[in-house]
Amino acid sequence: MENDSFEDNLKELEEIVAKLEKGDVPLDDAIEEFKKAMDLVKACDDKLKDAQDTIAKIVNDNGEIVDFDVE
């Protein structure tokens, strides 16, 4: 999960949501799927934060690293 790509995690999350939206999943299974979905959400959020941190540092023309304020 942590080592999977953002896209892979997002796809798996979408599949879980679709399965749960059908409403025919037994309660115990739905709870397990929900837990897994929450782990996937955290993994996606972590990857987005890492990407934002990476993008926040931009190298200017002189080769200096400049903090970029993301708004």
PDB file of N, CA and C in Angstrom:
ATOM      1  N   MET A   1       0.830  -1.194   0.000  1.00  0.00           N
ATOM      2  CA  MET A   1       0.000   0.000   0.000  1.00  0.00           C
ATOM      3  C   MET A   1       0.877   1.260   0.000  1.00  0.00           C
ATOM      4  N   GLU A   2       1.774   1.359   0.979  1.00  0.00           N
ATOM      5  CA  GLU A   2       2.663   2.516   1.024  1.00  0.00           C
ATOM      6  C   GLU A   2       3.603   2.530  -0.171  1.00  0.00           C
ATOM      7  N   ASN A   3       4.004   1.340  -0.621  1.00  0.00           N
ATOM      8  CA  ASN A   3       4.952   1.254  -1.731  1.00  0.00           C
ATOM      9  C   ASN A   3       4.271   1.227  -3.093  1.00  0.00           C
ATOM     10  N   ASP A   4       2.957   1.083  -3.097  1.00  0.00           N
ATOM     11  CA  ASP A   4       2.223   1.114  -4.357  1.00  0.00           C
ATOM     12  C   ASP A   4       2.149   2.550  -4.857  1.00  0.00           C
ATOM     13  N   SER A   5       1.906   2.695  -6.142  1.00  0.00           N
ATOM     14  CA  SER A   5       1.804   4.041  -6.699  1.00  0.00           C
ATOM     15  C   SER A   5       0.497   4.696  -6.254  1.00  0.00           C
ATOM     16  N   PHE A   6       0.480   5.997  -6.333  1.00  0.00           N
ATOM     17  CA  PHE A   6      -0.736   6.750  -6.004  1.00  0.00           C
ATOM     18  C   PHE A   6      -1.902   6.249  -6.849  1.00  0.00           C
ATOM     19  N   GLU A   7      -1.636   6.048  -8.132  1.00  0.00           N
ATOM     20  CA  GLU A   7      -2.688   5.609  -9.048  1.00  0.00           C
ATOM     21  C   GLU A   7      -3.228   4.225  -8.685  1.00  0.00           C
ATOM     22  N   ASP A   8      -2.329   3.318  -8.300  1.00  0.00           N
ATOM     23  CA  ASP A   8      -2.767   1.976  -7.894  1.00  0.00           C
ATOM     24  C   ASP A   8      -3.629   2.041  -6.639  1.00  0.00           C
ATOM     25  N   ASN A   9      -3.189   2.833  -5.666  1.00  0.00           N
ATOM     26  CA  ASN A   9      -3.966   2.982  -4.435  1.00  0.00           C
ATOM     27  C   ASN A   9      -5.326   3.609  -4.707  1.00  0.00           C
ATOM     28  N   LEU A  10      -5.358   4.614  -5.564  1.00  0.00           N
ATOM     29  CA  LEU A  10      -6.609   5.286  -5.886  1.00  0.00           C
ATOM     30  C   LEU A  10      -7.572   4.338  -6.603  1.00  0.00           C
ATOM     31  N   LYS A  11      -7.032   3.537  -7.517  1.00  0.00           N
ATOM     32  CA  LYS A  11      -7.872   2.574  -8.241  1.00  0.00           C
ATOM     33  C   LYS A  11      -8.482   1.563  -7.271  1.00  0.00           C
ATOM     34  N   GLU A  12      -7.660   1.051  -6.352  1.00  0.00           N
ATOM     35  CA  GLU A  12      -8.159   0.089  -5.372  1.00  0.00           C
ATOM     36  C   GLU A  12      -9.214   0.738  -4.469  1.00  0.00           C
ATOM     37  N   LEU A  13      -8.989   1.981  -4.091  1.00  0.00           N
ATOM     38  CA  LEU A  13      -9.956   2.709  -3.277  1.00  0.00           C
ATOM     39  C   LEU A  13     -11.282   2.859  -4.024  1.00  0.00           C
ATOM     40  N   GLU A  14     -11.222   3.197  -5.291  1.00  0.00           N
ATOM     41  CA  GLU A  14     -12.435   3.331  -6.098  1.00  0.00           C
ATOM     42  C   GLU A  14     -13.190   2.007  -6.200  1.00  0.00           C
ATOM     43  N   GLU A  15     -12.443   0.902  -6.314  1.00  0.00           N
ATOM     44  CA  GLU A  15     -13.079  -0.416  -6.382  1.00  0.00           C
ATOM     45  C   GLU A  15     -13.797  -0.755  -5.072  1.00  0.00           C
ATOM     46  N   ILE A  16     -13.179  -0.411  -3.953  1.00  0.00           N
ATOM     47  CA  ILE A  16     -13.803  -0.661  -2.652  1.00  0.00           C
ATOM     48  C   ILE A  16     -15.068   0.174  -2.503  1.00  0.00           C
ATOM     49  N   VAL A  17     -14.984   1.434  -2.894  1.00  0.00           N
ATOM     50  CA  VAL A  17     -16.157   2.313  -2.802  1.00  0.00           C
ATOM     51  C   VAL A  17     -17.296   1.759  -3.646  1.00  0.00           C
ATOM     52  N   ALA A  18     -16.989   1.330  -4.860  1.00  0.00           N
ATOM     53  CA  ALA A  18     -18.030   0.776  -5.738  1.00  0.00           C
ATOM     54  C   ALA A  18     -18.664  -0.462  -5.109  1.00  0.00           C
ATOM     55  N   LYS A  19     -17.828  -1.313  -4.523  1.00  0.00           N
ATOM     56  CA  LYS A  19     -18.327  -2.528  -3.886  1.00  0.00           C
ATOM     57  C   LYS A  19     -19.247  -2.174  -2.708  1.00  0.00           C
ATOM     58  N   LEU A  20     -18.834  -1.222  -1.898  1.00  0.00           N
ATOM     59  CA  LEU A  20     -19.632  -0.841  -0.728  1.00  0.00           C
ATOM     60  C   LEU A  20     -20.919  -0.115  -1.127  1.00  0.00           C
ATOM     61  N   GLU A  21     -20.861   0.645  -2.227  1.00  0.00           N
ATOM     62  CA  GLU A  21     -22.062   1.358  -2.682  1.00  0.00           C
ATOM     63  C   GLU A  21     -23.161   0.412  -3.141  1.00  0.00           C
ATOM     64  N   LYS A  22     -22.785  -0.780  -3.590  1.00  0.00           N
ATOM     65  CA  LYS A  22     -23.796  -1.752  -4.018  1.00  0.00           C
ATOM     66  C   LYS A  22     -24.702  -2.139  -2.855  1.00  0.00           C
ATOM     67  N   GLY A  23     -24.138  -2.151  -1.649  1.00  0.00           N
ATOM     68  CA  GLY A  23     -24.932  -2.436  -0.474  1.00  0.00           C
ATOM     69  C   GLY A  23     -25.177  -3.902  -0.198  1.00  0.00           C
ATOM     70  N   ASP A  24     -24.552  -4.788  -0.947  1.00  0.00           N
ATOM     71  CA  ASP A  24     -24.791  -6.221  -0.730  1.00  0.00           C
ATOM     72  C   ASP A  24     -23.610  -6.923  -0.047  1.00  0.00           C
ATOM     73  N   VAL A  25     -22.751  -6.140   0.587  1.00  0.00           N
ATOM     74  CA  VAL A  25     -21.595  -6.685   1.291  1.00  0.00           C
ATOM     75  C   VAL A  25     -22.002  -6.955   2.741  1.00  0.00           C
ATOM     76  N   PRO A  26     -21.730  -8.156   3.244  1.00  0.00           N
ATOM     77  CA  PRO A  26     -22.044  -8.450   4.644  1.00  0.00           C
ATOM     78  C   PRO A  26     -21.340  -7.452   5.579  1.00  0.00           C
ATOM     79  N   LEU A  27     -21.936  -7.174   6.705  1.00  0.00           N
ATOM     80  CA  LEU A  27     -21.446  -6.143   7.617  1.00  0.00           C
ATOM     81  C   LEU A  27     -19.976  -6.337   7.996  1.00  0.00           C
ATOM     82  N   ASP A  28     -19.607  -7.530   8.404  1.00  0.00           N
ATOM     83  CA  ASP A  28     -18.210  -7.766   8.807  1.00  0.00           C
ATOM     84  C   ASP A  28     -17.248  -7.495   7.654  1.00  0.00           C
ATOM     85  N   ASP A  29     -17.616  -7.911   6.462  1.00  0.00           N
ATOM     86  CA  ASP A  29     -16.787  -7.659   5.286  1.00  0.00           C
ATOM     87  C   ASP A  29     -16.741  -6.156   4.974  1.00  0.00           C
ATOM     88  N   ALA A  30     -17.865  -5.487   5.123  1.00  0.00           N
ATOM     89  CA  ALA A  30     -17.923  -4.046   4.859  1.00  0.00           C
ATOM     90  C   ALA A  30     -17.012  -3.288   5.820  1.00  0.00           C
ATOM     91  N   ILE A  31     -16.980  -3.720   7.077  1.00  0.00           N
ATOM     92  CA  ILE A  31     -16.108  -3.068   8.056  1.00  0.00           C
ATOM     93  C   ILE A  31     -14.645  -3.260   7.668  1.00  0.00           C
ATOM     94  N   GLU A  32     -14.280  -4.462   7.266  1.00  0.00           N
ATOM     95  CA  GLU A  32     -12.901  -4.721   6.839  1.00  0.00           C
ATOM     96  C   GLU A  32     -12.544  -3.901   5.594  1.00  0.00           C
ATOM     97  N   GLU A  33     -13.471  -3.843   4.651  1.00  0.00           N
ATOM     98  CA  GLU A  33     -13.238  -3.043   3.440  1.00  0.00           C
ATOM     99  C   GLU A  33     -13.088  -1.561   3.788  1.00  0.00           C
ATOM    100  N   PHE A  34     -13.888  -1.100   4.727  1.00  0.00           N
ATOM    101  CA  PHE A  34     -13.814   0.299   5.153  1.00  0.00           C
ATOM    102  C   PHE A  34     -12.455   0.589   5.787  1.00  0.00           C
ATOM    103  N   LYS A  35     -11.974  -0.317   6.634  1.00  0.00           N
ATOM    104  CA  LYS A  35     -10.657  -0.144   7.256  1.00  0.00           C
ATOM    105  C   LYS A  35      -9.567  -0.068   6.184  1.00  0.00           C
ATOM    106  N   LYS A  36      -9.663  -0.972   5.206  1.00  0.00           N
ATOM    107  CA  LYS A  36      -8.681  -0.987   4.118  1.00  0.00           C
ATOM    108  C   LYS A  36      -8.757   0.320   3.325  1.00  0.00           C
ATOM    109  N   ALA A  37      -9.969   0.790   3.092  1.00  0.00           N
ATOM    110  CA  ALA A  37     -10.159   2.047   2.355  1.00  0.00           C
ATOM    111  C   ALA A  37      -9.526   3.210   3.106  1.00  0.00           C
ATOM    112  N   MET A  38      -9.675   3.230   4.419  1.00  0.00           N
ATOM    113  CA  MET A  38      -9.092   4.314   5.209  1.00  0.00           C
ATOM    114  C   MET A  38      -7.566   4.274   5.151  1.00  0.00           C
ATOM    115  N   ASP A  39      -6.981   3.076   5.138  1.00  0.00           N
ATOM    116  CA  ASP A  39      -5.528   2.951   4.974  1.00  0.00           C
ATOM    117  C   ASP A  39      -5.090   3.465   3.601  1.00  0.00           C
ATOM    118  N   LEU A  40      -5.899   3.160   2.581  1.00  0.00           N
ATOM    119  CA  LEU A  40      -5.590   3.646   1.230  1.00  0.00           C
ATOM    120  C   LEU A  40      -5.690   5.162   1.153  1.00  0.00           C
ATOM    121  N   VAL A  41      -6.685   5.738   1.816  1.00  0.00           N
ATOM    122  CA  VAL A  41      -6.832   7.200   1.840  1.00  0.00           C
ATOM    123  C   VAL A  41      -5.590   7.831   2.466  1.00  0.00           C
ATOM    124  N   LYS A  42      -5.123   7.254   3.579  1.00  0.00           N
ATOM    125  CA  LYS A  42      -3.930   7.788   4.238  1.00  0.00           C
ATOM    126  C   LYS A  42      -2.714   7.675   3.326  1.00  0.00           C
ATOM    127  N   ALA A  43      -2.554   6.529   2.670  1.00  0.00           N
ATOM    128  CA  ALA A  43      -1.417   6.344   1.767  1.00  0.00           C
ATOM    129  C   ALA A  43      -1.460   7.351   0.623  1.00  0.00           C
ATOM    130  N   CYS A  44      -2.642   7.586   0.058  1.00  0.00           N
ATOM    131  CA  CYS A  44      -2.786   8.574  -1.020  1.00  0.00           C
ATOM    132  C   CYS A  44      -2.481   9.977  -0.506  1.00  0.00           C
ATOM    133  N   ASP A  45      -2.988  10.291   0.673  1.00  0.00           N
ATOM    134  CA  ASP A  45      -2.747  11.609   1.264  1.00  0.00           C
ATOM    135  C   ASP A  45      -1.257  11.824   1.514  1.00  0.00           C
ATOM    136  N   ASP A  46      -0.581  10.810   2.028  1.00  0.00           N
ATOM    137  CA  ASP A  46       0.861  10.914   2.265  1.00  0.00           C
ATOM    138  C   ASP A  46       1.613  11.158   0.967  1.00  0.00           C
ATOM    139  N   LYS A  47       1.233  10.442  -0.084  1.00  0.00           N
ATOM    140  CA  LYS A  47       1.905  10.625  -1.377  1.00  0.00           C
ATOM    141  C   LYS A  47       1.652  12.024  -1.946  1.00  0.00           C
ATOM    142  N   LEU A  48       0.438  12.536  -1.769  1.00  0.00           N
ATOM    143  CA  LEU A  48       0.138  13.891  -2.234  1.00  0.00           C
ATOM    144  C   LEU A  48       0.932  14.935  -1.453  1.00  0.00           C
ATOM    145  N   LYS A  49       1.066  14.734  -0.150  1.00  0.00           N
ATOM    146  CA  LYS A  49       1.855  15.663   0.665  1.00  0.00           C
ATOM    147  C   LYS A  49       3.316  15.632   0.256  1.00  0.00           C
ATOM    148  N   ASP A  50       3.842  14.438  -0.019  1.00  0.00           N
ATOM    149  CA  ASP A  50       5.226  14.323  -0.482  1.00  0.00           C
ATOM    150  C   ASP A  50       5.408  15.047  -1.821  1.00  0.00           C
ATOM    151  N   ALA A  51       4.456  14.871  -2.709  1.00  0.00           N
ATOM    152  CA  ALA A  51       4.531  15.538  -4.014  1.00  0.00           C
ATOM    153  C   ALA A  51       4.469  17.055  -3.843  1.00  0.00           C
ATOM    154  N   GLN A  52       3.610  17.514  -2.952  1.00  0.00           N
ATOM    155  CA  GLN A  52       3.491  18.948  -2.712  1.00  0.00           C
ATOM    156  C   GLN A  52       4.798  19.505  -2.162  1.00  0.00           C
ATOM    157  N   ASP A  53       5.424  18.767  -1.233  1.00  0.00           N
ATOM    158  CA  ASP A  53       6.713  19.212  -0.688  1.00  0.00           C
ATOM    159  C   ASP A  53       7.771  19.281  -1.775  1.00  0.00           C
ATOM    160  N   THR A  54       7.770  18.307  -2.673  1.00  0.00           N
ATOM    161  CA  THR A  54       8.739  18.288  -3.765  1.00  0.00           C
ATOM    162  C   THR A  54       8.521  19.470  -4.706  1.00  0.00           C
ATOM    163  N   ILE A  55       7.271  19.705  -5.038  1.00  0.00           N
ATOM    164  CA  ILE A  55       6.942  20.795  -5.957  1.00  0.00           C
ATOM    165  C   ILE A  55       7.206  22.156  -5.314  1.00  0.00           C
ATOM    166  N   ALA A  56       7.090  22.220  -3.980  1.00  0.00           N
ATOM    167  CA  ALA A  56       7.271  23.485  -3.270  1.00  0.00           C
ATOM    168  C   ALA A  56       8.688  24.027  -3.398  1.00  0.00           C
ATOM    169  N   LYS A  57       9.633  23.176  -3.757  1.00  0.00           N
ATOM    170  CA  LYS A  57      11.016  23.626  -3.936  1.00  0.00           C
ATOM    171  C   LYS A  57      11.320  23.661  -5.432  1.00  0.00           C
ATOM    172  N   ILE A  58      11.536  24.828  -5.925  1.00  0.00           N
ATOM    173  CA  ILE A  58      11.802  25.003  -7.353  1.00  0.00           C
ATOM    174  C   ILE A  58      13.200  25.597  -7.506  1.00  0.00           C
ATOM    175  N   VAL A  59      13.924  25.072  -8.453  1.00  0.00           N
ATOM    176  CA  VAL A  59      15.259  25.590  -8.714  1.00  0.00           C
ATOM    177  C   VAL A  59      15.132  26.752  -9.691  1.00  0.00           C
ATOM    178  N   ASN A  60      15.676  27.922  -9.285  1.00  0.00           N
ATOM    179  CA  ASN A  60      15.612  29.082 -10.183  1.00  0.00           C
ATOM    180  C   ASN A  60      16.726  29.005 -11.226  1.00  0.00           C
ATOM    181  N   ASP A  61      16.810  30.006 -12.060  1.00  0.00           N
ATOM    182  CA  ASP A  61      17.778  30.002 -13.160  1.00  0.00           C
ATOM    183  C   ASP A  61      19.227  29.949 -12.677  1.00  0.00           C
ATOM    184  N   ASN A  62      19.504  30.454 -11.479  1.00  0.00           N
ATOM    185  CA  ASN A  62      20.870  30.447 -10.943  1.00  0.00           C
ATOM    186  C   ASN A  62      21.210  29.146 -10.219  1.00  0.00           C
ATOM    187  N   GLY A  63      20.297  28.192 -10.232  1.00  0.00           N
ATOM    188  CA  GLY A  63      20.531  26.923  -9.567  1.00  0.00           C
ATOM    189  C   GLY A  63      20.228  26.938  -8.087  1.00  0.00           C
ATOM    190  N   GLU A  64      19.679  28.050  -7.612  1.00  0.00           N
ATOM    191  CA  GLU A  64      19.323  28.146  -6.199  1.00  0.00           C
ATOM    192  C   GLU A  64      17.949  27.539  -5.966  1.00  0.00           C
ATOM    193  N   ILE A  65      17.810  26.884  -4.829  1.00  0.00           N
ATOM    194  CA  ILE A  65      16.509  26.323  -4.475  1.00  0.00           C
ATOM    195  C   ILE A  65      15.676  27.424  -3.834  1.00  0.00           C
ATOM    196  N   VAL A  66      14.494  27.625  -4.378  1.00  0.00           N
ATOM    197  CA  VAL A  66      13.604  28.671  -3.900  1.00  0.00           C
ATOM    198  C   VAL A  66      12.342  28.017  -3.368  1.00  0.00           C
ATOM    199  N   ASP A  67      11.946  28.411  -2.164  1.00  0.00           N
ATOM    200  CA  ASP A  67      10.685  27.901  -1.639  1.00  0.00           C
ATOM    201  C   ASP A  67       9.549  28.508  -2.435  1.00  0.00           C
ATOM    202  N   PHE A  68       8.627  27.670  -2.800  1.00  0.00           N
ATOM    203  CA  PHE A  68       7.465  28.084  -3.576  1.00  0.00           C
ATOM    204  C   PHE A  68       6.247  27.900  -2.697  1.00  0.00           C
ATOM    205  N   ASP A  69       5.529  28.967  -2.460  1.00  0.00           N
ATOM    206  CA  ASP A  69       4.357  28.914  -1.586  1.00  0.00           C
ATOM    207  C   ASP A  69       3.165  28.411  -2.376  1.00  0.00           C
ATOM    208  N   VAL A  70       2.707  27.216  -2.056  1.00  0.00           N
ATOM    209  CA  VAL A  70       1.565  26.607  -2.726  1.00  0.00           C
ATOM    210  C   VAL A  70       0.295  27.110  -2.078  1.00  0.00           C
ATOM    211  N   GLU A  71      -0.573  27.683  -2.877  1.00  0.00           N
ATOM    212  CA  GLU A  71      -1.842  28.191  -2.342  1.00  0.00           C
ATOM    213  C   GLU A  71      -3.004  27.599  -3.061  1.00  0.00           C
TER     214      GLU A  71
END
